[in-house]
C-alpha atoms as a PDB file:
ATOM      1  CA  MET A   1     -10.585 246.613  32.346  1.00  0.00           C
ATOM      2  CA  SER A   2      -8.180 249.563  31.480  1.00  0.00           C
ATOM      3  CA  SER A   3      -4.649 248.496  30.332  1.00  0.00           C
ATOM      4  CA  TYR A   4      -3.211 250.453  33.609  1.00  0.00           C
ATOM      5  CA  LEU A   5      -5.415 248.601  35.862  1.00  0.00           C
ATOM      6  CA  ARG A   6      -4.254 245.438  34.639  1.00  0.00           C
ATOM      7  CA  CYS A   7      -0.604 246.782  34.507  1.00  0.00           C
ATOM      8  CA  LEU A   8      -1.214 248.030  38.126  1.00  0.00           C
ATOM      9  CA  SER A   9      -2.792 244.879  39.389  1.00  0.00           C
ATOM     10  CA  VAL A  10       0.186 243.343  37.981  1.00  0.00           C
ATOM     11  CA  THR A  11       2.811 245.370  39.699  1.00  0.00           C
ATOM     12  CA  ILE A  12       0.559 244.766  42.868  1.00  0.00           C
ATOM     13  CA  ALA A  13       0.884 240.387  42.525  1.00  0.00           C
ATOM     14  CA  LEU A  14       4.752 241.094  42.234  1.00  0.00           C
ATOM     15  CA  ILE A  15       5.190 243.154  45.359  1.00  0.00           C
ATOM     16  CA  VAL A  16       2.558 240.593  47.142  1.00  0.00           C
ATOM     17  CA  ALA A  17       4.804 237.804  45.901  1.00  0.00           C
ATOM     18  CA  ALA A  18       8.403 239.140  46.557  1.00  0.00           C
ATOM     19  CA  VAL A  19       6.960 239.903  50.318  1.00  0.00           C
ATOM     20  CA  MET A  20       5.738 236.340  50.538  1.00  0.00           C
ATOM     21  CA  SER A  21       8.648 234.893  49.380  1.00  0.00           C
ATOM     22  CA  LYS A  22      10.736 236.658  52.523  1.00  0.00           C
ATOM     23  CA  SER A  23       8.069 234.808  54.987  1.00  0.00           C
ATOM     24  CA  PRO A  24       9.193 232.425  57.735  1.00  0.00           C
ATOM     25  CA  GLY A  25       8.348 229.604  55.321  1.00  0.00           C
ATOM     26  CA  ALA A  26      10.115 231.083  52.436  1.00  0.00           C
ATOM     27  CA  GLN A  27      12.987 228.041  51.647  1.00  0.00           C
ATOM     28  CA  GLY A  28      16.580 229.583  52.196  1.00  0.00           C
ATOM     29  CA  ASN A  29      15.284 233.032  53.249  1.00  0.00           C
ATOM     30  CA  PRO A  30      14.609 233.484  57.444  1.00  0.00           C
ATOM     31  CA  GLU A  31      13.610 237.014  57.426  1.00  0.00           C
ATOM     32  CA  PRO A  32      10.161 237.214  59.372  1.00  0.00           C
ATOM     33  CA  LEU A  33       7.217 238.410  57.951  1.00  0.00           C
ATOM     34  CA  GLY A  34       5.644 241.585  58.704  1.00  0.00           C
ATOM     35  CA  PHE A  35       8.748 243.174  60.493  1.00  0.00           C
ATOM     36  CA  LYS A  36      10.441 246.558  59.301  1.00  0.00           C
ATOM     37  CA  PHE A  37      14.036 246.655  58.961  1.00  0.00           C
ATOM     38  CA  ASN A  38      16.282 249.592  58.808  1.00  0.00           C
ATOM     39  CA  THR A  39      18.861 247.988  56.702  1.00  0.00           C
ATOM     40  CA  GLY A  40      20.198 244.695  55.680  1.00  0.00           C
ATOM     41  CA  GLN A  41      17.477 243.793  52.959  1.00  0.00           C
ATOM     42  CA  SER A  42      17.591 243.437  49.611  1.00  0.00           C
ATOM     43  CA  VAL A  43      16.265 245.636  46.466  1.00  0.00           C
ATOM     44  CA  GLN A  44      13.442 243.878  44.331  1.00  0.00           C
ATOM     45  CA  PRO A  45      13.216 245.481  40.944  1.00  0.00           C
ATOM     46  CA  ILE A  46       9.724 245.395  39.367  1.00  0.00           C
ATOM     47  CA  PHE A  47       8.448 245.198  35.493  1.00  0.00           C
ATOM     48  CA  GLU A  48       5.824 247.580  35.205  1.00  0.00           C
ATOM     49  CA  GLY A  49       4.364 247.316  31.755  1.00  0.00           C
ATOM     50  CA  TRP A  50       5.885 248.863  27.885  1.00  0.00           C
ATOM     51  CA  ALA A  51       4.320 251.496  25.743  1.00  0.00           C
ATOM     52  CA  TYR A  52       5.116 252.586  21.906  1.00  0.00           C
ATOM     53  CA  ASN A  53       7.173 255.588  21.736  1.00  0.00           C
ATOM     54  CA  GLN A  54       6.098 258.152  18.862  1.00  0.00           C
ATOM     55  CA  ASP A  55       8.723 256.589  16.756  1.00  0.00           C
ATOM     56  CA  GLY A  56       7.313 253.173  16.823  1.00  0.00           C
ATOM     57  CA  SER A  57      10.411 251.964  19.313  1.00  0.00           C
ATOM     58  CA  ILE A  58       9.415 250.766  22.660  1.00  0.00           C
ATOM     59  CA  ALA A  59       9.379 252.103  26.260  1.00  0.00           C
ATOM     60  CA  MET A  60      10.230 249.441  29.074  1.00  0.00           C
ATOM     61  CA  TYR A  61       9.074 250.902  32.275  1.00  0.00           C
ATOM     62  CA  PHE A  62      10.641 249.547  35.827  1.00  0.00           C
ATOM     63  CA  GLY A  63      10.435 250.339  39.059  1.00  0.00           C
ATOM     64  CA  TYR A  64      11.906 248.507  42.298  1.00  0.00           C
ATOM     65  CA  ILE A  65      10.543 248.067  46.068  1.00  0.00           C
ATOM     66  CA  ASN A  66      13.870 248.532  48.655  1.00  0.00           C
ATOM     67  CA  ARG A  67      12.919 246.489  51.465  1.00  0.00           C
ATOM     68  CA  ASN A  68      14.530 248.831  53.615  1.00  0.00           C
ATOM     69  CA  TYR A  69      13.101 251.501  55.516  1.00  0.00           C
ATOM     70  CA  VAL A  70      16.154 253.200  56.104  1.00  0.00           C
ATOM     71  CA  GLU A  71      19.210 252.286  54.051  1.00  0.00           C
ATOM     72  CA  SER A  72      19.583 253.395  50.559  1.00  0.00           C
ATOM     73  CA  PRO A  73      22.178 251.357  48.739  1.00  0.00           C
ATOM     74  CA  ALA A  74      24.338 251.478  46.366  1.00  0.00           C
ATOM     75  CA  ILE A  75      24.812 249.379  44.094  1.00  0.00           C
ATOM     76  CA  ALA A  76      27.474 250.160  40.800  1.00  0.00           C
ATOM     77  CA  ILE A  77      26.564 249.143  37.440  1.00  0.00           C
ATOM     78  CA  GLY A  78      28.076 245.874  36.519  1.00  0.00           C
ATOM     79  CA  PRO A  79      27.686 241.781  37.576  1.00  0.00           C
ATOM     80  CA  GLU A  80      25.454 243.353  40.760  1.00  0.00           C
ATOM     81  CA  ASN A  81      23.410 246.080  38.921  1.00  0.00           C
ATOM     82  CA  ARG A  82      22.611 245.211  35.173  1.00  0.00           C
ATOM     83  CA  PHE A  83      20.708 244.646  32.072  1.00  0.00           C
ATOM     84  CA  GLU A  84      20.779 241.974  29.845  1.00  0.00           C
ATOM     85  CA  PRO A  85      20.253 241.721  26.775  1.00  0.00           C
ATOM     86  CA  GLY A  86      21.998 244.896  25.850  1.00  0.00           C
ATOM     87  CA  GLY A  87      23.496 245.503  29.414  1.00  0.00           C
ATOM     88  CA  PRO A  88      24.474 246.234  31.886  1.00  0.00           C
ATOM     89  CA  ASP A  89      23.498 250.079  31.665  1.00  0.00           C
ATOM     90  CA  ARG A  90      20.551 250.793  30.498  1.00  0.00           C
ATOM     91  CA  GLY A  91      20.406 253.805  32.583  1.00  0.00           C
ATOM     92  CA  GLN A  92      18.981 252.689  35.466  1.00  0.00           C
ATOM     93  CA  PRO A  93      19.461 253.965  39.524  1.00  0.00           C
ATOM     94  CA  THR A  94      22.798 253.146  41.308  1.00  0.00           C
ATOM     95  CA  LEU A  95      21.108 254.816  44.076  1.00  0.00           C
ATOM     96  CA  PHE A  96      18.070 253.194  45.842  1.00  0.00           C
ATOM     97  CA  GLY A  97      15.935 255.036  48.001  1.00  0.00           C
ATOM     98  CA  PRO A  98      14.168 253.396  50.703  1.00  0.00           C
ATOM     99  CA  ARG A  99      10.372 251.829  50.283  1.00  0.00           C
ATOM    100  CA  ILE A 100       8.653 251.570  46.918  1.00  0.00           C
ATOM    101  CA  HIS A 101       9.521 253.407  43.571  1.00  0.00           C
ATOM    102  CA  ARG A 102       6.797 253.262  40.970  1.00  0.00           C
ATOM    103  CA  MET A 103       7.878 254.032  37.141  1.00  0.00           C
ATOM    104  CA  ALA A 104      11.135 254.969  38.175  1.00  0.00           C
ATOM    105  CA  PHE A 105      12.537 254.541  34.630  1.00  0.00           C
ATOM    106  CA  SER A 106      12.458 253.046  31.505  1.00  0.00           C
ATOM    107  CA  VAL A 107      14.158 251.483  28.795  1.00  0.00           C
ATOM    108  CA  GLY A 108      13.885 251.772  25.006  1.00  0.00           C
ATOM    109  CA  VAL A 109      13.979 248.734  22.926  1.00  0.00           C
ATOM    110  CA  PRO A 110      13.539 248.706  18.935  1.00  0.00           C
ATOM    111  CA  LYS A 111      10.006 248.415  17.556  1.00  0.00           C
ATOM    112  CA  ASP A 112      10.857 245.031  16.682  1.00  0.00           C
ATOM    113  CA  TRP A 113      11.446 243.701  19.590  1.00  0.00           C
ATOM    114  CA  GLY A 114       9.062 240.769  19.445  1.00  0.00           C
ATOM    115  CA  ASN A 115       8.233 238.575  22.354  1.00  0.00           C
ATOM    116  CA  LYS A 116      12.274 238.702  23.843  1.00  0.00           C
ATOM    117  CA  GLU A 117      12.800 239.583  27.414  1.00  0.00           C
ATOM    118  CA  LEU A 118      14.799 242.146  28.838  1.00  0.00           C
ATOM    119  CA  VAL A 119      15.705 241.137  32.618  1.00  0.00           C
ATOM    120  CA  TRP A 120      17.121 243.530  34.935  1.00  0.00           C
ATOM    121  CA  THR A 121      18.762 241.931  37.908  1.00  0.00           C
ATOM    122  CA  VAL A 122      19.909 243.501  41.384  1.00  0.00           C
ATOM    123  CA  ILE A 123      21.721 241.868  43.606  1.00  0.00           C
ATOM    124  CA  ALA A 124      21.853 243.537  47.640  1.00  0.00           C
ATOM    125  CA  HIS A 125      23.323 241.867  50.286  1.00  0.00           C
ATOM    126  CA  GLY A 126      23.901 238.777  49.102  1.00  0.00           C
ATOM    127  CA  GLN A 127      20.524 238.280  47.397  1.00  0.00           C
ATOM    128  CA  THR A 128      19.561 238.221  43.873  1.00  0.00           C
ATOM    129  CA  GLU A 129      16.557 239.262  42.705  1.00  0.00           C
ATOM    130  CA  LYS A 130      15.299 240.253  38.836  1.00  0.00           C
ATOM    131  CA  ALA A 131      12.390 241.896  37.095  1.00  0.00           C
ATOM    132  CA  VAL A 132      11.410 240.288  33.663  1.00  0.00           C
ATOM    133  CA  GLY A 133       9.824 242.545  31.087  1.00  0.00           C
ATOM    134  CA  TRP A 134       8.170 241.545  27.635  1.00  0.00           C
ATOM    135  CA  THR A 135       5.313 243.178  25.254  1.00  0.00           C
ATOM    136  CA  GLN A 136       2.254 240.760  26.888  1.00  0.00           C
ATOM    137  CA  PRO A 137      -0.893 242.835  25.558  1.00  0.00           C
ATOM    138  CA  GLU A 138      -2.021 243.043  28.436  1.00  0.00           C
ATOM    139  CA  TRP A 139       0.779 245.229  29.855  1.00  0.00           C
ATOM    140  CA  GLN A 140       0.723 247.664  27.422  1.00  0.00           C
ATOM    141  CA  ILE A 141       0.526 251.577  29.137  1.00  0.00           C
ATOM    142  CA  ASP A 142      -0.251 254.967  28.491  1.00  0.00           C
ATOM    143  CA  PRO A 143       3.185 256.488  29.102  1.00  0.00           C
ATOM    144  CA  ILE A 144       2.095 260.462  30.118  1.00  0.00           C
ATOM    145  CA  TYR A 145      -1.658 259.614  31.634  1.00  0.00           C
ATOM    146  CA  PHE A 146      -1.161 255.921  32.793  1.00  0.00           C
ATOM    147  CA  GLY A 147      -4.750 255.228  31.782  1.00  0.00           C
ATOM    148  CA  LYS A 148      -5.847 258.550  33.996  1.00  0.00           C
ATOM    149  CA  GLU A 149      -9.442 259.598  32.182  1.00  0.00           C
ATOM    150  CA  ARG A 150      -8.325 263.047  30.300  1.00  0.00           C
ATOM    151  CA  SER A 151     -10.463 266.221  31.037  1.00  0.00           C
ATOM    152  CA  ALA A 152     -10.361 268.929  28.662  1.00  0.00           C
ATOM    153  CA  GLU A 153      -7.642 270.901  30.909  1.00  0.00           C
ATOM    154  CA  SER A 154      -5.752 267.937  30.697  1.00  0.00           C
ATOM    155  CA  LEU A 155      -5.654 267.834  26.900  1.00  0.00           C
ATOM    156  CA  LYS A 156      -4.822 271.191  26.632  1.00  0.00           C
ATOM    157  CA  ASN A 157      -2.073 270.793  29.418  1.00  0.00           C
ATOM    158  CA  LYS A 158       1.925 270.626  28.102  1.00  0.00           C
ATOM    159  CA  PRO A 159       4.812 269.500  30.033  1.00  0.00           C
ATOM    160  CA  PRO A 160       6.933 271.833  31.801  1.00  0.00           C
ATOM    161  CA  THR A 161      10.788 272.971  30.763  1.00  0.00           C
ATOM    162  CA  LEU A 162      13.135 272.582  32.903  1.00  0.00           C
ATOM    163  CA  ALA A 163      16.836 273.146  32.921  1.00  0.00           C
ATOM    164  CA  ILE A 164      19.194 272.282  36.039  1.00  0.00           C
ATOM    165  CA  GLU A 165      22.645 273.840  37.350  1.00  0.00           C
ATOM    166  CA  ALA A 166      24.743 273.159  39.986  1.00  0.00           C
ATOM    167  CA  PRO A 167      28.767 273.651  40.570  1.00  0.00           C
ATOM    168  CA  ALA A 168      30.930 271.065  38.836  1.00  0.00           C
ATOM    169  CA  THR A 169      32.698 270.020  42.042  1.00  0.00           C
ATOM    170  CA  VAL A 170      32.596 270.127  45.797  1.00  0.00           C
ATOM    171  CA  THR A 171      34.678 269.367  48.336  1.00  0.00           C
ATOM    172  CA  LEU A 172      33.299 267.945  51.917  1.00  0.00           C
ATOM    173  CA  PRO A 173      32.243 268.926  53.894  1.00  0.00           C
ATOM    174  CA  ASN A 174      30.229 271.640  52.139  1.00  0.00           C
ATOM    175  CA  THR A 175      27.040 271.183  51.078  1.00  0.00           C
ATOM    176  CA  LEU A 176      25.442 271.667  46.891  1.00  0.00           C
ATOM    177  CA  THR A 177      23.218 273.938  46.449  1.00  0.00           C
ATOM    178  CA  VAL A 178      21.237 272.626  42.750  1.00  0.00           C
ATOM    179  CA  SER A 179      19.099 275.181  40.915  1.00  0.00           C
ATOM    180  CA  ALA A 180      16.111 274.920  38.691  1.00  0.00           C
ATOM    181  CA  THR A 181      14.532 276.875  36.291  1.00  0.00           C
ATOM    182  CA  VAL A 182      11.185 275.785  35.350  1.00  0.00           C
ATOM    183  CA  THR A 183       8.420 277.272  33.025  1.00  0.00           C
ATOM    184  CA  ASP A 184       4.881 275.774  32.740  1.00  0.00           C
ATOM    185  CA  ASP A 185       1.750 276.649  31.131  1.00  0.00           C
ATOM    186  CA  GLY A 186       0.009 276.885  34.507  1.00  0.00           C
ATOM    187  CA  LEU A 187      -1.915 273.681  34.095  1.00  0.00           C
ATOM    188  CA  PRO A 188      -3.805 272.011  35.563  1.00  0.00           C
ATOM    189  CA  VAL A 189      -4.838 274.293  37.638  1.00  0.00           C
ATOM    190  CA  PRO A 190      -3.867 273.537  41.468  1.00  0.00           C
ATOM    191  CA  ARG A 191      -6.693 271.846  43.628  1.00  0.00           C
ATOM    192  CA  LYS A 192      -7.606 273.927  46.538  1.00  0.00           C
ATOM    193  CA  SER A 193      -8.383 271.084  49.327  1.00  0.00           C
ATOM    194  CA  PRO A 194      -5.497 269.451  51.153  1.00  0.00           C
ATOM    195  CA  ARG A 195      -4.333 266.232  50.312  1.00  0.00           C
ATOM    196  CA  ARG A 196      -4.850 263.726  53.141  1.00  0.00           C
ATOM    197  CA  ALA A 197      -2.332 260.878  54.216  1.00  0.00           C
ATOM    198  CA  ALA A 198      -3.050 257.617  52.997  1.00  0.00           C
ATOM    199  CA  VAL A 199      -4.930 255.279  55.521  1.00  0.00           C
ATOM    200  CA  GLY A 200      -2.474 253.833  58.095  1.00  0.00           C
ATOM    201  CA  GLN A 201       0.457 256.534  57.567  1.00  0.00           C
ATOM    202  CA  GLU A 202      -1.089 259.511  58.662  1.00  0.00           C
ATOM    203  CA  THR A 203       1.868 258.607  61.455  1.00  0.00           C
ATOM    204  CA  PRO A 204       5.295 258.101  60.256  1.00  0.00           C
ATOM    205  CA  PRO A 205       6.887 255.082  61.409  1.00  0.00           C
ATOM    206  CA  THR A 206       9.370 255.364  64.371  1.00  0.00           C
ATOM    207  CA  LEU A 207      11.969 253.075  63.868  1.00  0.00           C
ATOM    208  CA  LYS A 208      14.839 252.188  66.191  1.00  0.00           C
ATOM    209  CA  PRO A 209      18.378 251.534  65.301  1.00  0.00           C
ATOM    210  CA  ASP A 210      20.071 248.364  66.211  1.00  0.00           C
ATOM    211  CA  PRO A 211      23.220 248.855  68.936  1.00  0.00           C
ATOM    212  CA  GLY A 212      26.031 250.527  67.366  1.00  0.00           C
ATOM    213  CA  GLN A 213      24.460 251.477  64.173  1.00  0.00           C
ATOM    214  CA  PRO A 214      25.592 255.033  63.428  1.00  0.00           C
ATOM    215  CA  GLU A 215      23.782 257.867  64.471  1.00  0.00           C
ATOM    216  CA  ILE A 216      23.006 259.142  61.023  1.00  0.00           C
ATOM    217  CA  LEU A 217      20.636 256.387  60.746  1.00  0.00           C
ATOM    218  CA  LEU A 218      18.218 257.478  63.231  1.00  0.00           C
ATOM    219  CA  ASN A 219      16.401 259.437  60.639  1.00  0.00           C
ATOM    220  CA  VAL A 220      14.126 258.656  57.933  1.00  0.00           C
ATOM    221  CA  PRO A 221      15.144 259.994  54.338  1.00  0.00           C
ATOM    222  CA  GLN A 222      12.526 262.263  53.138  1.00  0.00           C
ATOM    223  CA  VAL A 223      11.029 260.614  50.180  1.00  0.00           C
ATOM    224  CA  ALA A 224      10.418 262.697  46.965  1.00  0.00           C
ATOM    225  CA  ARG A 225       6.504 262.460  45.877  1.00  0.00           C
ATOM    226  CA  GLY A 226       5.407 260.545  42.860  1.00  0.00           C
ATOM    227  CA  ARG A 227       5.685 262.144  39.124  1.00  0.00           C
ATOM    228  CA  GLY A 228       2.241 262.967  38.599  1.00  0.00           C
ATOM    229  CA  ARG A 229      -0.904 261.394  39.156  1.00  0.00           C
ATOM    230  CA  GLY A 230      -2.938 264.408  40.714  1.00  0.00           C
ATOM    231  CA  LEU A 231      -0.798 266.593  43.309  1.00  0.00           C
ATOM    232  CA  ASP A 232      -2.088 269.261  44.805  1.00  0.00           C
ATOM    233  CA  GLN A 233       0.691 271.567  45.781  1.00  0.00           C
ATOM    234  CA  GLY A 234       1.225 273.301  41.986  1.00  0.00           C
ATOM    235  CA  LEU A 235       4.412 273.319  40.059  1.00  0.00           C
ATOM    236  CA  VAL A 236       6.841 271.558  42.063  1.00  0.00           C
ATOM    237  CA  VAL A 237      10.748 269.863  41.787  1.00  0.00           C
ATOM    238  CA  ASN A 238      11.177 266.582  42.888  1.00  0.00           C
ATOM    239  CA  TRP A 239      15.363 265.763  43.905  1.00  0.00           C
ATOM    240  CA  THR A 240      16.843 262.494  43.566  1.00  0.00           C
ATOM    241  CA  ALA A 241      19.843 261.067  44.175  1.00  0.00           C
ATOM    242  CA  TRP A 242      19.836 258.855  40.885  1.00  0.00           C
ATOM    243  CA  ARG A 243      23.661 257.469  40.543  1.00  0.00           C
ATOM    244  CA  GLY A 244      26.528 257.686  43.050  1.00  0.00           C
ATOM    245  CA  PRO A 245      28.968 255.734  46.084  1.00  0.00           C
ATOM    246  CA  ALA A 246      26.657 256.664  48.606  1.00  0.00           C
ATOM    247  CA  ASN A 247      23.535 257.879  49.581  1.00  0.00           C
ATOM    248  CA  VAL A 248      22.255 262.130  49.509  1.00  0.00           C
ATOM    249  CA  VAL A 249      20.283 263.992  51.874  1.00  0.00           C
ATOM    250  CA  PHE A 250      18.309 266.655  50.343  1.00  0.00           C
ATOM    251  CA  GLU A 251      16.887 269.617  53.091  1.00  0.00           C
ATOM    252  CA  ALA A 252      13.840 268.830  50.740  1.00  0.00           C
ATOM    253  CA  ALA A 253      12.335 266.099  48.754  1.00  0.00           C
ATOM    254  CA  THR A 254      10.472 268.111  46.826  1.00  0.00           C
ATOM    255  CA  THR A 255      10.450 272.279  46.938  1.00  0.00           C
ATOM    256  CA  PRO A 256       8.011 274.416  45.069  1.00  0.00           C
ATOM    257  CA  VAL A 257       8.517 276.793  42.290  1.00  0.00           C
ATOM    258  CA  LYS A 258       8.137 280.278  42.982  1.00  0.00           C
ATOM    259  CA  SER A 259       8.818 282.619  39.843  1.00  0.00           C
ATOM    260  CA  GLY A 260      10.114 280.253  37.795  1.00  0.00           C
ATOM    261  CA  LYS A 261      12.892 279.403  40.155  1.00  0.00           C
ATOM    262  CA  ALA A 262      13.283 276.162  42.458  1.00  0.00           C
ATOM    263  CA  SER A 263      16.731 275.435  44.470  1.00  0.00           C
ATOM    264  CA  VAL A 264      17.893 272.582  46.897  1.00  0.00           C
ATOM    265  CA  LYS A 265      21.203 271.364  49.176  1.00  0.00           C
ATOM    266  CA  ALA A 266      22.362 268.175  49.251  1.00  0.00           C
ATOM    267  CA  THR A 267      24.615 267.185  51.641  1.00  0.00           C
ATOM    268  CA  PHE A 268      27.215 264.350  50.926  1.00  0.00           C
ATOM    269  CA  THR A 269      29.225 261.985  53.080  1.00  0.00           C
ATOM    270  CA  THR A 270      31.496 260.413  50.777  1.00  0.00           C
ATOM    271  CA  PRO A 271      33.522 261.396  47.909  1.00  0.00           C
ATOM    272  CA  GLY A 272      32.734 260.518  43.942  1.00  0.00           C
ATOM    273  CA  THR A 273      31.004 261.210  40.985  1.00  0.00           C
ATOM    274  CA  TYR A 274      26.776 261.635  41.484  1.00  0.00           C
ATOM    275  CA  VAL A 275      24.254 262.021  39.279  1.00  0.00           C
ATOM    276  CA  ILE A 276      21.311 264.340  40.836  1.00  0.00           C
ATOM    277  CA  ARG A 277      18.119 264.229  38.998  1.00  0.00           C
ATOM    278  CA  GLY A 278      15.490 267.230  39.215  1.00  0.00           C
ATOM    279  CA  SER A 279      11.682 266.241  38.034  1.00  0.00           C
ATOM    280  CA  ALA A 280       9.443 269.151  37.136  1.00  0.00           C
ATOM    281  CA  ASN A 281       6.153 268.549  38.056  1.00  0.00           C
ATOM    282  CA  ASP A 282       2.860 270.122  37.003  1.00  0.00           C
ATOM    283  CA  GLY A 283       0.371 267.871  38.767  1.00  0.00           C
ATOM    284  CA  GLU A 284      -0.315 265.456  35.847  1.00  0.00           C
ATOM    285  CA  LEU A 285       3.133 265.515  33.435  1.00  0.00           C
ATOM    286  CA  HIS A 286       6.473 266.142  34.164  1.00  0.00           C
ATOM    287  CA  VAL A 287      10.110 266.399  32.744  1.00  0.00           C
ATOM    288  CA  GLU A 288      13.614 265.203  34.461  1.00  0.00           C
ATOM    289  CA  LYS A 289      16.836 266.796  33.941  1.00  0.00           C
ATOM    290  CA  ASP A 290      20.094 265.218  34.883  1.00  0.00           C
ATOM    291  CA  VAL A 291      23.530 267.035  36.620  1.00  0.00           C
ATOM    292  CA  THR A 292      26.572 265.816  36.974  1.00  0.00           C
ATOM    293  CA  VAL A 293      28.608 266.559  40.572  1.00  0.00           C
ATOM    294  CA  THR A 294      32.251 265.356  41.485  1.00  0.00           C
ATOM    295  CA  VAL A 295      32.555 265.419  45.347  1.00  0.00           C
ATOM    296  CA  THR A 296      36.276 265.826  46.708  1.00  0.00           C
ATOM    297  CA  GLY A 297      37.595 265.270  49.857  1.00  0.00           C
ATOM    298  CA  SER A 298      37.359 262.829  53.057  1.00  0.00           C
ATOM    299  CA  ALA A 299      34.861 260.608  53.753  1.00  0.00           C
ATOM    300  CA  ASN A 300      32.557 261.313  56.663  1.00  0.00           C
ATOM    301  CA  PRO A 301      33.474 258.622  59.206  1.00  0.00           C
ATOM    302  CA  SER A 302      30.334 258.620  60.602  1.00  0.00           C
ATOM    303  CA  SER A 303      28.913 258.068  57.432  1.00  0.00           C
END
């Protein structure tokens, strides 16, 4: 079994254990197994493996599962969103999109890290969840191809280059346009066949809000497509609200690159400082850039 498959097995086991811990028999948590919730649930951070960097240092990879199907909790860096040791801020998100987000980011540690543990703690809706990472040999992964067999074309492929631009400030209720300039070597050549929806996900879920729930929560947010792993639509940019005091709605979570350009409109409901992340993805490799935006004005009372 490859190191990636071992890592994937561990990740799946962690997710299953996290879900099972919410079953009716789990002590102290009455959430029924099999129910889907728009809001009010916890966020489970996940350690997904580690890899050596070119300089010999180590990258610890983390993702998370937000158990909500609509809500994107905003959890500021601090006691409720922290890393130990060396924290609390290790580059983690403060906005957590719905459902599963694999390989969301990595944390660098020295080459002499040894068997020490790196712990990410997230507290959402009063529920404390942790991810514990360490350099167990079976959890070593390939940080570029994630265990994927490399073809001759893949060996020639280089990651895209990316530049992100956006106005430094925007005043509510105005929207913000974020623009990306992307260059790429044209590899891999996009596949011609359309991608099929995963079994059981051919039709998006229908979610019903609780009585009195804000109208904005009736719409399931768009989720950016994965970073690599054989995308078939060619060169794209995925957009994510990485940090900020409230969720950000993009007109499209993924936009195609045309003539080296891609852009998206972002809608805010709450003033504050936000970090918008763009990820240029050629289907196998990706590169990420951030832009910081200050939102001013009055909060939308319906948010």
